[in-house]
Structures are given as C-alpha cells and as structure tokens.
C-alpha atoms as a PDB file:
ATOM      1  CA  MET A   1     155.147 148.397   9.620  1.00  0.00           C
ATOM      2  CA  ARG A   2     151.888 148.775  10.471  1.00  0.00           C
ATOM      3  CA  ARG A   3     149.982 145.589  10.100  1.00  0.00           C
ATOM      4  CA  GLU A   4     146.249 144.995  11.616  1.00  0.00           C
ATOM      5  CA  LEU A   5     144.025 141.581  11.442  1.00  0.00           C
ATOM      6  CA  SER A   6     140.458 140.934  10.642  1.00  0.00           C
ATOM      7  CA  SER A   7     137.903 139.073   9.678  1.00  0.00           C
ATOM      8  CA  TRP A   8     134.131 139.001   9.449  1.00  0.00           C
ATOM      9  CA  TYR A   9     131.301 135.704   8.040  1.00  0.00           C
ATOM     10  CA  SER A  10     131.535 136.126   4.074  1.00  0.00           C
ATOM     11  CA  PRO A  11     128.351 135.513   3.217  1.00  0.00           C
ATOM     12  CA  ALA A  12     128.463 134.628   0.253  1.00  0.00           C
ATOM     13  CA  LEU A  13     131.657 131.551   1.557  1.00  0.00           C
ATOM     14  CA  GLN A  14     129.457 130.911   4.475  1.00  0.00           C
ATOM     15  CA  LYS A  15     132.350 131.237   6.611  1.00  0.00           C
ATOM     16  CA  GLU A  16     134.722 133.277   8.895  1.00  0.00           C
ATOM     17  CA  MET A  17     137.592 135.030   5.992  1.00  0.00           C
ATOM     18  CA  PRO A  18     140.188 136.932   7.773  1.00  0.00           C
ATOM     19  CA  ILE A  19     142.357 139.441   6.071  1.00  0.00           C
ATOM     20  CA  ALA A  20     145.789 141.277   6.743  1.00  0.00           C
ATOM     21  CA  VAL A  21     146.450 144.990   6.166  1.00  0.00           C
ATOM     22  CA  TYR A  22     149.762 146.456   6.228  1.00  0.00           C
ATOM     23  CA  GLY A  23     150.744 150.347   6.087  1.00  0.00           C
ATOM     24  CA  HIS A  24     148.838 153.267   6.600  1.00  0.00           C
ATOM     25  CA  TYR A  25     148.918 155.264   3.082  1.00  0.00           C
ATOM     26  CA  GLY A  26     148.737 154.799  -0.837  1.00  0.00           C
ATOM     27  CA  PHE A  27     147.412 152.496  -3.821  1.00  0.00           C
ATOM     28  CA  ALA A  28     145.790 149.336  -2.873  1.00  0.00           C
ATOM     29  CA  LEU A  29     147.679 146.414  -3.098  1.00  0.00           C
ATOM     30  CA  LEU A  30     145.011 142.865  -3.249  1.00  0.00           C
ATOM     31  CA  LEU A  31     147.412 139.929  -2.872  1.00  0.00           C
ATOM     32  CA  ILE A  32     145.962 136.614  -3.827  1.00  0.00           C
ATOM     33  CA  PRO A  33     148.189 133.421  -2.404  1.00  0.00           C
ATOM     34  CA  THR A  34     149.250 130.646  -4.565  1.00  0.00           C
ATOM     35  CA  ALA A  35     147.738 127.462  -4.811  1.00  0.00           C
ATOM     36  CA  ALA A  36     146.275 126.040  -0.927  1.00  0.00           C
ATOM     37  CA  ALA A  37     147.929 128.952   0.682  1.00  0.00           C
ATOM     38  CA  ASP A  38     146.302 131.605   3.527  1.00  0.00           C
ATOM     39  CA  TYR A  39     146.658 135.273   4.419  1.00  0.00           C
ATOM     40  CA  LEU A  40     149.408 135.107   5.894  1.00  0.00           C
ATOM     41  CA  GLU A  41     151.559 133.466   3.087  1.00  0.00           C
ATOM     42  CA  TYR A  42     153.113 135.975   1.880  1.00  0.00           C
ATOM     43  CA  GLU A  43     154.342 137.345   4.997  1.00  0.00           C
ATOM     44  CA  ARG A  44     155.501 134.205   6.061  1.00  0.00           C
ATOM     45  CA  PHE A  45     157.593 133.897   3.103  1.00  0.00           C
ATOM     46  CA  GLN A  46     159.128 137.321   3.731  1.00  0.00           C
ATOM     47  CA  LEU A  47     157.136 139.134   0.473  1.00  0.00           C
ATOM     48  CA  LEU A  48     156.529 141.578   2.522  1.00  0.00           C
ATOM     49  CA  ASP A  49     159.530 142.120   4.085  1.00  0.00           C
ATOM     50  CA  ALA A  50     160.814 142.836   0.434  1.00  0.00           C
ATOM     51  CA  ILE A  51     158.482 145.295  -0.257  1.00  0.00           C
ATOM     52  CA  ALA A  52     158.067 146.970   3.214  1.00  0.00           C
ATOM     53  CA  PRO A  53     160.193 150.009   2.044  1.00  0.00           C
ATOM     54  CA  PHE A  54     157.439 150.946   0.004  1.00  0.00           C
ATOM     55  CA  ILE A  55     154.629 150.316   2.738  1.00  0.00           C
ATOM     56  CA  GLU A  56     156.859 152.502   5.107  1.00  0.00           C
ATOM     57  CA  SER A  57     156.818 155.223   2.080  1.00  0.00           C
ATOM     58  CA  GLY A  58     153.093 155.641   1.683  1.00  0.00           C
ATOM     59  CA  LYS A  59     153.182 154.360  -1.547  1.00  0.00           C
ATOM     60  CA  VAL A  60     151.290 151.363  -1.083  1.00  0.00           C
ATOM     61  CA  LYS A  61     148.711 149.564   1.446  1.00  0.00           C
ATOM     62  CA  VAL A  62     148.594 146.055   0.964  1.00  0.00           C
ATOM     63  CA  PHE A  63     145.637 143.603   2.125  1.00  0.00           C
ATOM     64  CA  SER A  64     145.969 139.781   1.451  1.00  0.00           C
ATOM     65  CA  ILE A  65     143.441 137.606   1.715  1.00  0.00           C
ATOM     66  CA  ASP A  66     142.831 134.075   1.807  1.00  0.00           C
ATOM     67  CA  SER A  67     141.877 132.013  -1.664  1.00  0.00           C
ATOM     68  CA  ILE A  68     139.909 128.750  -0.997  1.00  0.00           C
ATOM     69  CA  ASN A  69     141.253 126.950  -3.484  1.00  0.00           C
ATOM     70  CA  ARG A  70     141.701 123.832  -1.024  1.00  0.00           C
ATOM     71  CA  GLU A  71     137.544 124.073  -1.005  1.00  0.00           C
ATOM     72  CA  SER A  72     137.730 124.030  -4.691  1.00  0.00           C
ATOM     73  CA  TRP A  73     140.082 123.200  -7.775  1.00  0.00           C
ATOM     74  CA  MET A  74     143.147 121.837  -5.147  1.00  0.00           C
ATOM     75  CA  ASN A  75     140.248 119.214  -3.264  1.00  0.00           C
ATOM     76  CA  ASP A  76     140.840 116.514  -4.715  1.00  0.00           C
ATOM     77  CA  TYR A  77     137.754 114.717  -2.882  1.00  0.00           C
ATOM     78  CA  MET A  78     135.111 117.235  -3.810  1.00  0.00           C
ATOM     79  CA  ASP A  79     133.139 116.850  -7.369  1.00  0.00           C
ATOM     80  CA  PRO A  80     134.171 119.541  -9.850  1.00  0.00           C
ATOM     81  CA  ARG A  81     130.648 120.901 -10.757  1.00  0.00           C
ATOM     82  CA  HIS A  82     130.856 121.804  -6.322  1.00  0.00           C
ATOM     83  CA  LYS A  83     134.621 123.069  -6.869  1.00  0.00           C
ATOM     84  CA  SER A  84     133.376 125.739  -9.657  1.00  0.00           C
ATOM     85  CA  ILE A  85     130.686 126.483  -8.127  1.00  0.00           C
ATOM     86  CA  ARG A  86     132.576 127.033  -4.879  1.00  0.00           C
ATOM     87  CA  HIS A  87     135.315 129.044  -7.044  1.00  0.00           C
ATOM     88  CA  GLN A  88     132.692 131.530  -8.155  1.00  0.00           C
ATOM     89  CA  GLN A  89     131.219 132.083  -4.518  1.00  0.00           C
ATOM     90  CA  TRP A  90     134.704 132.888  -4.043  1.00  0.00           C
ATOM     91  CA  ASN A  91     134.733 135.961  -6.843  1.00  0.00           C
ATOM     92  CA  ASP A  92     131.117 137.279  -5.251  1.00  0.00           C
ATOM     93  CA  TYR A  93     133.172 137.610  -1.938  1.00  0.00           C
ATOM     94  CA  VAL A  94     136.280 139.427  -3.355  1.00  0.00           C
ATOM     95  CA  PHE A  95     133.601 141.889  -5.373  1.00  0.00           C
ATOM     96  CA  ASN A  96     131.366 142.180  -2.813  1.00  0.00           C
ATOM     97  CA  GLU A  97     132.711 142.254   0.368  1.00  0.00           C
ATOM     98  CA  VAL A  98     136.538 142.263   0.145  1.00  0.00           C
ATOM     99  CA  ILE A  99     136.739 145.750  -2.311  1.00  0.00           C
ATOM    100  CA  PRO A 100     134.324 148.158   0.152  1.00  0.00           C
ATOM    101  CA  PHE A 101     136.530 147.028   2.606  1.00  0.00           C
ATOM    102  CA  ILE A 102     139.765 148.063   0.943  1.00  0.00           C
ATOM    103  CA  ARG A 103     136.888 151.084  -0.091  1.00  0.00           C
ATOM    104  CA  MET A 104     136.510 151.828   3.587  1.00  0.00           C
ATOM    105  CA  ASN A 105     140.164 151.328   4.676  1.00  0.00           C
ATOM    106  CA  THR A 106     140.992 153.624   1.704  1.00  0.00           C
ATOM    107  CA  SER A 107     139.585 155.875  -0.405  1.00  0.00           C
ATOM    108  CA  VAL A 108     136.588 155.479  -3.177  1.00  0.00           C
ATOM    109  CA  ASP A 109     138.906 157.198  -5.141  1.00  0.00           C
ATOM    110  CA  THR A 110     141.746 154.908  -4.062  1.00  0.00           C
ATOM    111  CA  ALA A 111     143.401 152.529  -6.871  1.00  0.00           C
ATOM    112  CA  ILE A 112     143.344 148.518  -6.289  1.00  0.00           C
ATOM    113  CA  ILE A 113     145.815 146.106  -8.230  1.00  0.00           C
ATOM    114  CA  ALA A 114     145.032 142.666  -7.813  1.00  0.00           C
ATOM    115  CA  SER A 115     148.935 140.748  -7.329  1.00  0.00           C
ATOM    116  CA  GLY A 116     149.576 137.229  -7.077  1.00  0.00           C
ATOM    117  CA  ALA A 117     152.186 134.527  -7.703  1.00  0.00           C
ATOM    118  CA  SER A 118     151.277 131.420  -9.405  1.00  0.00           C
ATOM    119  CA  PHE A 119     147.650 129.933  -8.935  1.00  0.00           C
ATOM    120  CA  GLY A 120     147.730 133.687  -7.172  1.00  0.00           C
ATOM    121  CA  ALA A 121     148.723 135.039 -10.662  1.00  0.00           C
ATOM    122  CA  LEU A 122     145.527 133.063 -12.505  1.00  0.00           C
ATOM    123  CA  HIS A 123     143.332 134.459  -9.943  1.00  0.00           C
ATOM    124  CA  SER A 124     144.843 137.812  -9.970  1.00  0.00           C
ATOM    125  CA  ALA A 125     144.408 138.962 -12.998  1.00  0.00           C
ATOM    126  CA  ASN A 126     141.279 136.923 -13.865  1.00  0.00           C
ATOM    127  CA  LEU A 127     139.760 139.319 -11.099  1.00  0.00           C
ATOM    128  CA  PHE A 128     140.711 142.314 -12.650  1.00  0.00           C
ATOM    129  CA  PHE A 129     139.912 141.246 -16.686  1.00  0.00           C
ATOM    130  CA  LYS A 130     136.420 140.164 -15.114  1.00  0.00           C
ATOM    131  CA  ARG A 131     135.610 143.316 -13.095  1.00  0.00           C
ATOM    132  CA  PRO A 132     137.552 146.081 -14.822  1.00  0.00           C
ATOM    133  CA  ASP A 133     135.000 148.431 -13.437  1.00  0.00           C
ATOM    134  CA  LEU A 134     136.078 148.035  -9.685  1.00  0.00           C
ATOM    135  CA  LEU A 135     139.673 146.922 -10.581  1.00  0.00           C
ATOM    136  CA  ASN A 136     142.782 149.105 -11.649  1.00  0.00           C
ATOM    137  CA  GLY A 137     145.273 146.391 -13.254  1.00  0.00           C
ATOM    138  CA  CYS A 138     147.347 143.430 -12.162  1.00  0.00           C
ATOM    139  CA  ILE A 139     150.777 142.411 -11.122  1.00  0.00           C
ATOM    140  CA  ALA A 140     150.747 138.588 -12.271  1.00  0.00           C
ATOM    141  CA  MET A 141     153.827 137.033 -11.335  1.00  0.00           C
ATOM    142  CA  SER A 142     154.870 133.306 -13.000  1.00  0.00           C
ATOM    143  CA  GLY A 143     150.785 132.340 -13.625  1.00  0.00           C
ATOM    144  CA  VAL A 144     149.033 130.404 -16.778  1.00  0.00           C
ATOM    145  CA  TYR A 145     146.092 132.020 -17.473  1.00  0.00           C
ATOM    146  CA  ASP A 146     144.388 128.513 -18.786  1.00  0.00           C
ATOM    147  CA  LEU A 147     141.994 127.906 -15.613  1.00  0.00           C
ATOM    148  CA  THR A 148     141.855 123.679 -17.146  1.00  0.00           C
ATOM    149  CA  GLU A 149     145.494 123.855 -16.158  1.00  0.00           C
ATOM    150  CA  TYR A 150     144.021 122.984 -12.386  1.00  0.00           C
ATOM    151  CA  THR A 151     140.358 121.360 -13.143  1.00  0.00           C
ATOM    152  CA  LYS A 152     142.009 118.136 -14.485  1.00  0.00           C
ATOM    153  CA  GLY A 153     139.351 118.350 -17.531  1.00  0.00           C
ATOM    154  CA  TYR A 154     136.988 119.560 -16.233  1.00  0.00           C
ATOM    155  CA  PHE A 155     134.558 121.973 -18.395  1.00  0.00           C
ATOM    156  CA  ASP A 156     131.736 124.146 -17.465  1.00  0.00           C
ATOM    157  CA  GLU A 157     130.505 127.364 -18.053  1.00  0.00           C
ATOM    158  CA  ASP A 158     132.099 128.426 -14.554  1.00  0.00           C
ATOM    159  CA  VAL A 159     134.971 127.535 -15.249  1.00  0.00           C
ATOM    160  CA  TYR A 160     135.157 129.542 -19.029  1.00  0.00           C
ATOM    161  CA  TYR A 161     134.512 132.092 -17.466  1.00  0.00           C
ATOM    162  CA  ASN A 162     136.444 131.940 -14.646  1.00  0.00           C
ATOM    163  CA  SER A 163     139.599 131.233 -17.378  1.00  0.00           C
ATOM    164  CA  PRO A 164     140.779 134.284 -19.053  1.00  0.00           C
ATOM    165  CA  ALA A 165     142.783 132.301 -22.025  1.00  0.00           C
ATOM    166  CA  HIS A 166     139.068 131.608 -23.063  1.00  0.00           C
ATOM    167  CA  TYR A 167     137.049 134.135 -22.334  1.00  0.00           C
ATOM    168  CA  LEU A 168     139.029 137.057 -23.412  1.00  0.00           C
ATOM    169  CA  PRO A 169     139.255 136.282 -27.067  1.00  0.00           C
ATOM    170  CA  ASN A 170     135.814 136.069 -27.242  1.00  0.00           C
ATOM    171  CA  LEU A 171     135.070 139.393 -25.343  1.00  0.00           C
ATOM    172  CA  THR A 172     132.763 141.515 -27.623  1.00  0.00           C
ATOM    173  CA  ASP A 173     131.539 143.905 -24.901  1.00  0.00           C
ATOM    174  CA  HIS A 174     132.922 147.385 -26.100  1.00  0.00           C
ATOM    175  CA  GLY A 175     132.391 148.791 -22.570  1.00  0.00           C
ATOM    176  CA  VAL A 176     134.396 146.231 -20.709  1.00  0.00           C
ATOM    177  CA  LEU A 177     137.169 146.146 -23.643  1.00  0.00           C
ATOM    178  CA  GLU A 178     137.597 150.136 -22.914  1.00  0.00           C
ATOM    179  CA  GLN A 179     137.729 149.965 -18.961  1.00  0.00           C
ATOM    180  CA  ILE A 180     140.074 147.250 -19.429  1.00  0.00           C
ATOM    181  CA  ARG A 181     142.148 148.894 -22.112  1.00  0.00           C
ATOM    182  CA  SER A 182     142.280 152.014 -20.221  1.00  0.00           C
ATOM    183  CA  SER A 183     144.783 150.341 -17.716  1.00  0.00           C
ATOM    184  CA  HIS A 184     148.293 150.690 -18.088  1.00  0.00           C
ATOM    185  CA  HIS A 185     148.869 148.251 -15.562  1.00  0.00           C
ATOM    186  CA  ILE A 186     148.693 144.739 -16.442  1.00  0.00           C
ATOM    187  CA  HIS A 187     152.106 143.129 -15.576  1.00  0.00           C
ATOM    188  CA  LEU A 188     152.600 139.436 -17.017  1.00  0.00           C
ATOM    189  CA  LEU A 189     155.923 138.145 -15.430  1.00  0.00           C
ATOM    190  CA  SER A 190     157.579 135.123 -15.484  1.00  0.00           C
ATOM    191  CA  GLY A 191     160.562 133.427 -14.705  1.00  0.00           C
ATOM    192  CA  SER A 192     162.543 130.612 -17.199  1.00  0.00           C
ATOM    193  CA  GLY A 193     163.673 128.346 -14.766  1.00  0.00           C
ATOM    194  CA  ALA A 194     162.553 125.502 -13.374  1.00  0.00           C
ATOM    195  CA  HIS A 195     159.209 124.964 -13.258  1.00  0.00           C
ATOM    196  CA  GLU A 196     158.243 128.087 -14.750  1.00  0.00           C
ATOM    197  CA  ASP A 197     155.798 128.607 -18.044  1.00  0.00           C
ATOM    198  CA  PRO A 198     156.997 131.357 -19.556  1.00  0.00           C
ATOM    199  CA  ASP A 199     154.947 130.529 -22.792  1.00  0.00           C
ATOM    200  CA  ALA A 200     151.726 130.931 -20.396  1.00  0.00           C
ATOM    201  CA  ALA A 201     152.645 134.023 -20.124  1.00  0.00           C
ATOM    202  CA  ARG A 202     152.889 134.205 -24.132  1.00  0.00           C
ATOM    203  CA  ARG A 203     150.330 133.396 -24.275  1.00  0.00           C
ATOM    204  CA  MET A 204     147.890 135.346 -21.954  1.00  0.00           C
ATOM    205  CA  ALA A 205     150.031 138.511 -24.509  1.00  0.00           C
ATOM    206  CA  ASP A 206     149.225 137.551 -27.728  1.00  0.00           C
ATOM    207  CA  VAL A 207     145.080 137.402 -26.583  1.00  0.00           C
ATOM    208  CA  LEU A 208     145.778 140.445 -24.824  1.00  0.00           C
ATOM    209  CA  TYR A 209     146.931 141.747 -27.948  1.00  0.00           C
ATOM    210  CA  ASN A 210     144.521 140.769 -30.334  1.00  0.00           C
ATOM    211  CA  LYS A 211     142.243 142.444 -28.481  1.00  0.00           C
ATOM    212  CA  GLY A 212     144.020 145.994 -28.370  1.00  0.00           C
ATOM    213  CA  ILE A 213     144.632 145.496 -24.828  1.00  0.00           C
ATOM    214  CA  TRP A 214     148.118 147.634 -23.253  1.00  0.00           C
ATOM    215  CA  TYR A 215     150.296 144.692 -21.397  1.00  0.00           C
ATOM    216  CA  GLU A 216     153.481 144.375 -20.242  1.00  0.00           C
ATOM    217  CA  LEU A 217     155.320 140.903 -20.585  1.00  0.00           C
ATOM    218  CA  ASP A 218     158.070 140.935 -18.674  1.00  0.00           C
ATOM    219  CA  ILE A 219     160.388 137.241 -19.396  1.00  0.00           C
ATOM    220  CA  TRP A 220     163.070 137.043 -16.737  1.00  0.00           C
ATOM    221  CA  GLY A 221     166.113 134.510 -16.530  1.00  0.00           C
ATOM    222  CA  ALA A 222     166.809 130.917 -16.121  1.00  0.00           C
ATOM    223  CA  ASP A 223     168.015 131.881 -12.741  1.00  0.00           C
ATOM    224  CA  MET A 224     164.117 132.977 -11.702  1.00  0.00           C
ATOM    225  CA  THR A 225     162.028 130.058 -10.517  1.00  0.00           C
ATOM    226  CA  HIS A 226     159.376 128.898  -9.437  1.00  0.00           C
ATOM    227  CA  ASP A 227     159.788 130.119  -6.071  1.00  0.00           C
ATOM    228  CA  TRP A 228     160.037 132.412  -3.674  1.00  0.00           C
ATOM    229  CA  PRO A 229     163.168 134.150  -4.349  1.00  0.00           C
ATOM    230  CA  THR A 230     162.044 135.386  -8.020  1.00  0.00           C
ATOM    231  CA  TRP A 231     159.019 136.665  -6.500  1.00  0.00           C
ATOM    232  CA  ARG A 232     160.548 138.909  -3.582  1.00  0.00           C
ATOM    233  CA  LYS A 233     162.430 140.434  -6.610  1.00  0.00           C
ATOM    234  CA  MET A 234     159.718 140.986  -8.864  1.00  0.00           C
ATOM    235  CA  LEU A 235     156.673 142.723  -6.800  1.00  0.00           C
ATOM    236  CA  PRO A 236     159.122 144.945  -5.542  1.00  0.00           C
ATOM    237  CA  HIS A 237     161.079 145.911  -9.060  1.00  0.00           C
ATOM    238  CA  TYR A 238     157.403 146.450 -10.741  1.00  0.00           C
ATOM    239  CA  LEU A 239     156.354 148.699  -7.500  1.00  0.00           C
ATOM    240  CA  GLY A 240     159.848 150.706  -7.872  1.00  0.00           C
ATOM    241  CA  THR A 241     159.740 151.106 -11.383  1.00  0.00           C
ATOM    242  CA  ARG A 242     155.791 150.769 -12.168  1.00  0.00           C
ATOM    243  CA  PHE A 243     153.941 153.224  -9.848  1.00  0.00           C
END
C-alpha cells in the first residue's frame, strides 16, 4: 500500500500539523481520530489493514489527520472558552488547509467523505453538516452528536455551532439544507454492546428525518462494543457495499 507522511505549519493552529496519505486513486476518505489520539491511530489499530483492499484497488484514497482534542475538550486544565476557540481553529484548519491539500492530491471533482469513530464520529458529521459545499458525506461510527457530552457543562455559541444535535434542528438556510440533502452518504453507525450509545445515533437520525435529510441509520448487535474490532468491521463493510 502506498503510504506518504507529510506536514505543514498550520496558520489556523499555529503549529506543525502532520497528515498521512494512503493509496493513489479513488474518492477521498478523510479520517478523524478518536478522543485524544493522533493521525496514525487508525494505522496502529489495523483499521488501515482492514480497508487495504479498497485502497490498493484504487477505490479510495485515505487522508488521516490529527485532532487537537488534547488542546481543547480533552484538556482538563484549560479554560472552557479557550477550548471552544481551539475547536473552531481546528475547523478552520480542516476547511482552509486540509481540504485544499486533498484537492491538490486528488482533483477538484473528487468526492470527500469524512469518517471517524467515537469523538471522531462527532467531528466527521459536524464537519460535513457545517460545510456540505466542501464535503460530500460522512461515515460516523459509534458517535454522539451532542458536543456537551464532552464540554462538562460548558456552553457558548461555538459549542452550539459545533454540536449537530443543537444547531441542525434550527438550520433554516435553504441552500445549505439542499446541499446536505443532496448527499447520499450520511451513514450513522453504532453497535449495541458495551460502552456504545445507539440512542445517540437514533436521536441524530430523528433530527435528520425532521429536516427532510436522507440518512442511513445502522445499529449493529450487542456483540459490537465501543472498540476497534467493531470499527474494523464497520468501515470495510460500508466501503464495500455503499461506494
């Protein structure tokens, strides 16, 4: 499998930000790590091995980036307002730096699907819902879509606008809604086993249904726990059957 590591100094985040690229052709899969993890997490936990056939066949090209959760919501020593600001800076990094990088390494017409597990699921869904002009859909695995699950009670405007469970029900911009509705790749996946929260996916699905947005809700069984074996089954299944 072709694998390239790169990085650049991010103006939005004021730090060096790495990215791993796997494959040579296909639609772009933007992977967002879980919790406090980094851009090589999906490789370390063999998820890249699980989807290798799709990468090597040219079906998908993977771009795996860092989160800055350790500098925002996962940092217990940081002022909550500063966490919120840092989260918004990370969004700016994705929209204004990562997406152009993906375009430069694919084409202006290549579809970009965001994906992640756990906290990465929230990020991937949020990124798509905020900018459906830049992203074409999401595969969100084992996520919650209410950012206050991570903010420990803190709530401000930036939290609201990065919490799909809060802002999507009130979204009235017809142009944005139509761009979201045009996607046929909003996939909300969850197991039903230990530490999973399938009701979070169901609640998000209800929000989408009420806005007239197509989605796919897929709740897997009680043997599917909030852990890597689940995600190593989910993602290749969806790449193989939905794309």
